[in-house]
N, C-alpha and C. Protein backbone atom coordinates (compact mmCIF):
# COMPACT_ATOMS: atom_id res chain seq x y z
N MET A 1 -3.83 -17.40 -18.99
CA MET A 1 -2.59 -17.70 -18.30
C MET A 1 -1.79 -16.41 -18.11
N ALA A 2 -1.29 -16.22 -16.92
CA ALA A 2 -0.53 -15.01 -16.61
C ALA A 2 0.85 -15.05 -17.26
N LYS A 3 1.27 -13.89 -17.72
CA LYS A 3 2.58 -13.75 -18.34
C LYS A 3 3.65 -13.82 -17.25
N LYS A 4 4.74 -14.51 -17.53
CA LYS A 4 5.83 -14.62 -16.57
C LYS A 4 6.51 -13.26 -16.41
N LEU A 5 6.80 -12.91 -15.16
CA LEU A 5 7.42 -11.62 -14.87
C LEU A 5 8.91 -11.66 -15.18
N SER A 6 9.41 -10.55 -15.69
CA SER A 6 10.85 -10.44 -15.94
C SER A 6 11.57 -10.28 -14.60
N VAL A 7 12.88 -10.36 -14.63
CA VAL A 7 13.68 -10.21 -13.42
C VAL A 7 13.46 -8.82 -12.82
N VAL A 8 13.41 -7.81 -13.66
CA VAL A 8 13.18 -6.44 -13.18
C VAL A 8 11.80 -6.33 -12.54
N GLN A 9 10.78 -6.90 -13.17
CA GLN A 9 9.43 -6.85 -12.62
C GLN A 9 9.34 -7.60 -11.29
N GLN A 10 10.04 -8.73 -11.20
CA GLN A 10 10.05 -9.48 -9.95
C GLN A 10 10.70 -8.66 -8.84
N LYS A 11 11.76 -7.94 -9.18
CA LYS A 11 12.43 -7.10 -8.19
C LYS A 11 11.52 -5.95 -7.75
N GLN A 12 10.82 -5.34 -8.71
CA GLN A 12 9.89 -4.26 -8.38
C GLN A 12 8.81 -4.77 -7.43
N GLN A 13 8.24 -5.91 -7.76
CA GLN A 13 7.19 -6.48 -6.94
C GLN A 13 7.72 -6.81 -5.53
N ALA A 14 8.91 -7.37 -5.46
CA ALA A 14 9.51 -7.72 -4.16
C ALA A 14 9.76 -6.46 -3.33
N ASN A 15 10.21 -5.40 -3.97
CA ASN A 15 10.46 -4.14 -3.24
C ASN A 15 9.17 -3.53 -2.71
N VAL A 16 8.10 -3.59 -3.50
CA VAL A 16 6.81 -3.08 -3.03
C VAL A 16 6.32 -3.92 -1.85
N LEU A 17 6.42 -5.24 -1.97
CA LEU A 17 6.00 -6.13 -0.88
C LEU A 17 6.79 -5.86 0.39
N LYS A 18 8.10 -5.72 0.26
CA LYS A 18 8.96 -5.45 1.41
C LYS A 18 8.56 -4.13 2.08
N SER A 19 8.32 -3.12 1.27
CA SER A 19 7.92 -1.81 1.80
C SER A 19 6.60 -1.90 2.56
N LEU A 20 5.64 -2.58 1.97
CA LEU A 20 4.32 -2.67 2.60
C LEU A 20 4.35 -3.52 3.86
N GLU A 21 5.18 -4.56 3.88
CA GLU A 21 5.29 -5.39 5.08
C GLU A 21 5.81 -4.56 6.26
N THR A 22 6.77 -3.68 5.99
CA THR A 22 7.31 -2.82 7.04
C THR A 22 6.23 -1.89 7.57
N VAL A 23 5.46 -1.30 6.67
CA VAL A 23 4.38 -0.39 7.08
C VAL A 23 3.30 -1.16 7.84
N GLU A 24 2.95 -2.35 7.37
CA GLU A 24 1.93 -3.17 8.03
C GLU A 24 2.32 -3.50 9.47
N GLN A 25 3.57 -3.88 9.67
CA GLN A 25 4.02 -4.24 11.02
C GLN A 25 3.90 -3.06 11.98
N ALA A 26 4.31 -1.89 11.54
CA ALA A 26 4.22 -0.70 12.39
C ALA A 26 2.76 -0.32 12.64
N ALA A 27 1.94 -0.36 11.61
CA ALA A 27 0.54 0.06 11.74
C ALA A 27 -0.26 -0.93 12.58
N ALA A 28 0.01 -2.21 12.45
CA ALA A 28 -0.73 -3.22 13.21
C ALA A 28 -0.52 -3.03 14.71
N ALA A 29 0.66 -2.59 15.09
CA ALA A 29 0.94 -2.35 16.51
C ALA A 29 0.22 -1.10 17.03
N LEU A 30 -0.05 -0.15 16.14
CA LEU A 30 -0.67 1.11 16.54
C LEU A 30 -2.19 1.11 16.43
N TYR A 31 -2.73 0.39 15.46
CA TYR A 31 -4.17 0.47 15.15
C TYR A 31 -4.78 -0.93 15.12
N ALA A 32 -5.58 -1.22 16.14
CA ALA A 32 -6.17 -2.56 16.27
C ALA A 32 -7.10 -2.92 15.12
N ASP A 33 -7.75 -1.94 14.52
CA ASP A 33 -8.71 -2.22 13.44
C ASP A 33 -8.06 -2.33 12.07
N PHE A 34 -6.77 -2.14 11.99
CA PHE A 34 -6.05 -2.24 10.72
C PHE A 34 -5.84 -3.71 10.38
N VAL A 35 -6.18 -4.08 9.14
CA VAL A 35 -6.06 -5.48 8.70
C VAL A 35 -4.75 -5.70 7.95
N GLY A 36 -4.46 -4.84 7.00
CA GLY A 36 -3.23 -5.00 6.22
C GLY A 36 -3.29 -4.17 4.94
N CYS A 37 -2.23 -4.29 4.15
CA CYS A 37 -2.14 -3.57 2.88
C CYS A 37 -2.07 -4.56 1.73
N TRP A 38 -2.61 -4.16 0.61
CA TRP A 38 -2.46 -4.93 -0.62
C TRP A 38 -2.38 -3.95 -1.76
N PHE A 39 -1.88 -4.41 -2.88
CA PHE A 39 -1.62 -3.48 -3.97
C PHE A 39 -1.90 -4.11 -5.33
N SER A 40 -2.04 -3.23 -6.29
CA SER A 40 -2.15 -3.64 -7.70
C SER A 40 -1.29 -2.68 -8.51
N MET A 41 -0.80 -3.17 -9.63
CA MET A 41 -0.01 -2.32 -10.51
C MET A 41 0.12 -2.97 -11.87
N GLU A 42 0.37 -2.13 -12.86
CA GLU A 42 0.68 -2.57 -14.21
C GLU A 42 2.17 -2.35 -14.39
N PHE A 43 2.91 -3.40 -14.64
CA PHE A 43 4.36 -3.28 -14.71
C PHE A 43 4.82 -2.36 -15.83
N GLU A 44 4.03 -2.27 -16.90
CA GLU A 44 4.41 -1.41 -18.02
C GLU A 44 4.34 0.07 -17.65
N ASN A 45 3.56 0.39 -16.61
CA ASN A 45 3.37 1.78 -16.21
C ASN A 45 3.74 1.97 -14.73
N PHE A 46 4.80 1.31 -14.31
CA PHE A 46 5.23 1.39 -12.91
C PHE A 46 6.24 2.51 -12.75
N PRO A 47 6.18 3.32 -11.73
CA PRO A 47 5.34 3.26 -10.54
C PRO A 47 4.03 4.04 -10.65
N GLY A 48 3.78 4.63 -11.81
CA GLY A 48 2.58 5.43 -11.98
C GLY A 48 1.28 4.67 -11.78
N SER A 49 1.30 3.36 -12.02
CA SER A 49 0.09 2.55 -11.91
C SER A 49 -0.09 1.91 -10.54
N LEU A 50 0.87 2.10 -9.65
CA LEU A 50 0.79 1.47 -8.32
C LEU A 50 -0.38 2.04 -7.53
N LEU A 51 -1.20 1.14 -6.98
CA LEU A 51 -2.30 1.54 -6.11
C LEU A 51 -2.26 0.66 -4.87
N VAL A 52 -2.01 1.28 -3.73
CA VAL A 52 -1.94 0.56 -2.46
C VAL A 52 -3.23 0.80 -1.70
N ARG A 53 -3.82 -0.28 -1.22
CA ARG A 53 -5.05 -0.17 -0.43
C ARG A 53 -4.73 -0.63 0.99
N CYS A 54 -5.06 0.21 1.96
CA CYS A 54 -4.85 -0.10 3.37
C CYS A 54 -6.22 -0.48 3.93
N GLN A 55 -6.34 -1.72 4.35
CA GLN A 55 -7.64 -2.28 4.71
C GLN A 55 -7.90 -2.20 6.21
N PHE A 56 -9.12 -1.77 6.54
CA PHE A 56 -9.60 -1.76 7.91
C PHE A 56 -10.75 -2.75 8.02
N ASN A 57 -11.03 -3.22 9.25
CA ASN A 57 -11.97 -4.34 9.40
C ASN A 57 -13.44 -3.96 9.39
N SER A 58 -13.79 -2.67 9.41
CA SER A 58 -15.21 -2.28 9.38
C SER A 58 -15.36 -0.84 8.91
N GLU A 59 -16.57 -0.51 8.52
CA GLU A 59 -16.86 0.87 8.11
C GLU A 59 -16.64 1.87 9.24
N PRO A 60 -17.10 1.57 10.49
CA PRO A 60 -16.83 2.51 11.58
C PRO A 60 -15.32 2.71 11.83
N ALA A 61 -14.56 1.63 11.71
CA ALA A 61 -13.10 1.73 11.88
C ALA A 61 -12.49 2.58 10.77
N LEU A 62 -13.00 2.41 9.56
CA LEU A 62 -12.51 3.21 8.43
C LEU A 62 -12.85 4.69 8.64
N ALA A 63 -14.08 4.96 9.07
CA ALA A 63 -14.49 6.35 9.32
C ALA A 63 -13.62 6.98 10.41
N ALA A 64 -13.34 6.22 11.46
CA ALA A 64 -12.49 6.73 12.53
C ALA A 64 -11.07 6.99 12.03
N ALA A 65 -10.58 6.10 11.18
CA ALA A 65 -9.23 6.26 10.61
C ALA A 65 -9.16 7.52 9.75
N LEU A 66 -10.17 7.75 8.96
CA LEU A 66 -10.19 8.96 8.13
C LEU A 66 -10.30 10.21 8.99
N GLU A 67 -11.08 10.13 10.06
CA GLU A 67 -11.22 11.26 10.97
C GLU A 67 -9.89 11.59 11.65
N GLN A 68 -9.12 10.54 11.95
CA GLN A 68 -7.80 10.73 12.57
C GLN A 68 -6.71 11.05 11.54
N LYS A 69 -7.13 11.17 10.29
CA LYS A 69 -6.21 11.47 9.18
C LYS A 69 -5.12 10.41 9.02
N LEU A 70 -5.53 9.15 9.21
CA LEU A 70 -4.57 8.06 9.03
C LEU A 70 -4.18 7.88 7.57
N ASP A 71 -5.00 8.41 6.67
CA ASP A 71 -4.61 8.34 5.26
C ASP A 71 -3.28 9.06 5.05
N LEU A 72 -3.08 10.18 5.74
CA LEU A 72 -1.82 10.92 5.64
C LEU A 72 -0.67 10.12 6.26
N TYR A 73 -0.95 9.44 7.37
CA TYR A 73 0.06 8.60 8.00
C TYR A 73 0.51 7.50 7.04
N PHE A 74 -0.46 6.79 6.47
CA PHE A 74 -0.11 5.70 5.56
C PHE A 74 0.60 6.22 4.31
N GLN A 75 0.15 7.33 3.77
CA GLN A 75 0.81 7.90 2.60
C GLN A 75 2.28 8.19 2.91
N LYS A 76 2.52 8.82 4.03
CA LYS A 76 3.89 9.20 4.40
C LYS A 76 4.75 7.95 4.62
N GLN A 77 4.24 6.99 5.37
CA GLN A 77 5.03 5.79 5.68
C GLN A 77 5.30 4.95 4.43
N ILE A 78 4.30 4.79 3.58
CA ILE A 78 4.48 4.00 2.36
C ILE A 78 5.46 4.71 1.43
N HIS A 79 5.31 6.02 1.30
CA HIS A 79 6.21 6.79 0.45
C HIS A 79 7.66 6.64 0.94
N LYS A 80 7.86 6.74 2.25
CA LYS A 80 9.19 6.63 2.84
C LYS A 80 9.79 5.24 2.60
N GLN A 81 9.00 4.19 2.79
CA GLN A 81 9.50 2.83 2.61
C GLN A 81 9.79 2.52 1.14
N LEU A 82 8.93 2.98 0.26
CA LEU A 82 9.18 2.78 -1.17
C LEU A 82 10.45 3.50 -1.60
N PHE A 83 10.64 4.71 -1.09
CA PHE A 83 11.84 5.49 -1.43
C PHE A 83 13.10 4.78 -0.96
N LYS A 84 13.03 4.15 0.21
CA LYS A 84 14.18 3.39 0.72
C LYS A 84 14.56 2.25 -0.22
N CYS A 85 13.58 1.74 -0.95
CA CYS A 85 13.83 0.65 -1.91
C CYS A 85 14.14 1.19 -3.30
N GLY A 86 14.23 2.50 -3.44
CA GLY A 86 14.57 3.08 -4.73
C GLY A 86 13.38 3.33 -5.64
N ILE A 87 12.18 3.34 -5.07
CA ILE A 87 10.97 3.58 -5.86
C ILE A 87 10.44 4.96 -5.50
N LEU A 88 10.44 5.86 -6.47
CA LEU A 88 9.94 7.21 -6.24
C LEU A 88 8.56 7.34 -6.86
N VAL A 89 7.57 7.57 -6.01
CA VAL A 89 6.19 7.73 -6.46
C VAL A 89 5.84 9.20 -6.32
N LYS A 90 5.52 9.83 -7.45
CA LYS A 90 5.10 11.22 -7.41
C LYS A 90 3.65 11.29 -6.99
N ASP A 91 3.31 12.28 -6.22
CA ASP A 91 1.93 12.50 -5.74
C ASP A 91 1.36 11.23 -5.09
N ILE A 92 1.96 10.84 -3.98
CA ILE A 92 1.58 9.61 -3.28
C ILE A 92 0.09 9.58 -2.91
N LYS A 93 -0.55 10.74 -2.79
CA LYS A 93 -1.97 10.79 -2.43
C LYS A 93 -2.84 10.02 -3.41
N ARG A 94 -2.44 9.98 -4.67
CA ARG A 94 -3.20 9.27 -5.70
C ARG A 94 -2.98 7.77 -5.66
N HIS A 95 -1.98 7.33 -4.90
CA HIS A 95 -1.58 5.93 -4.94
C HIS A 95 -1.89 5.14 -3.67
N VAL A 96 -2.43 5.81 -2.66
CA VAL A 96 -2.74 5.14 -1.38
C VAL A 96 -4.17 5.48 -0.99
N VAL A 97 -4.98 4.46 -0.75
CA VAL A 97 -6.36 4.66 -0.30
C VAL A 97 -6.65 3.75 0.89
N LEU A 98 -7.54 4.21 1.75
CA LEU A 98 -8.02 3.39 2.87
C LEU A 98 -9.34 2.78 2.45
N THR A 99 -9.56 1.52 2.86
CA THR A 99 -10.75 0.80 2.42
C THR A 99 -11.14 -0.27 3.45
N THR A 100 -12.33 -0.83 3.26
CA THR A 100 -12.74 -2.00 4.02
C THR A 100 -12.75 -3.23 3.12
N LEU A 101 -12.54 -3.04 1.83
CA LEU A 101 -12.54 -4.16 0.89
C LEU A 101 -11.26 -4.95 1.00
N SER A 102 -11.38 -6.26 0.84
CA SER A 102 -10.19 -7.11 0.84
C SER A 102 -9.75 -7.32 -0.61
N ALA A 103 -8.61 -7.93 -0.78
CA ALA A 103 -8.09 -8.22 -2.11
C ALA A 103 -9.02 -9.17 -2.87
N ASP A 104 -9.82 -9.93 -2.15
CA ASP A 104 -10.72 -10.91 -2.77
C ASP A 104 -12.06 -10.32 -3.19
N ASP A 105 -12.37 -9.11 -2.71
CA ASP A 105 -13.68 -8.48 -3.03
C ASP A 105 -13.71 -7.91 -4.42
């Protein structure tokens, strides 16, 4: 059974979700092969444990995204949106990855 989140943890989670939704909306309009973002984190080690995965619909789409350096785009946009919510992530490169895996994989 999952442990109930504290008010602070719920706020952290809501802020991350809000930030990613903003990035998803902008990216979906720009990149047809972009599926969405999902994340995992350990609340005891937040924001250091935050890992955001930006999902693309196929390996060729992922390869093209990496070739276009979209990883830098997503890192910058996610970092900016998290900062707007008061979340400062040091070395954002370690916290954002592009993938073809879904949250269910």
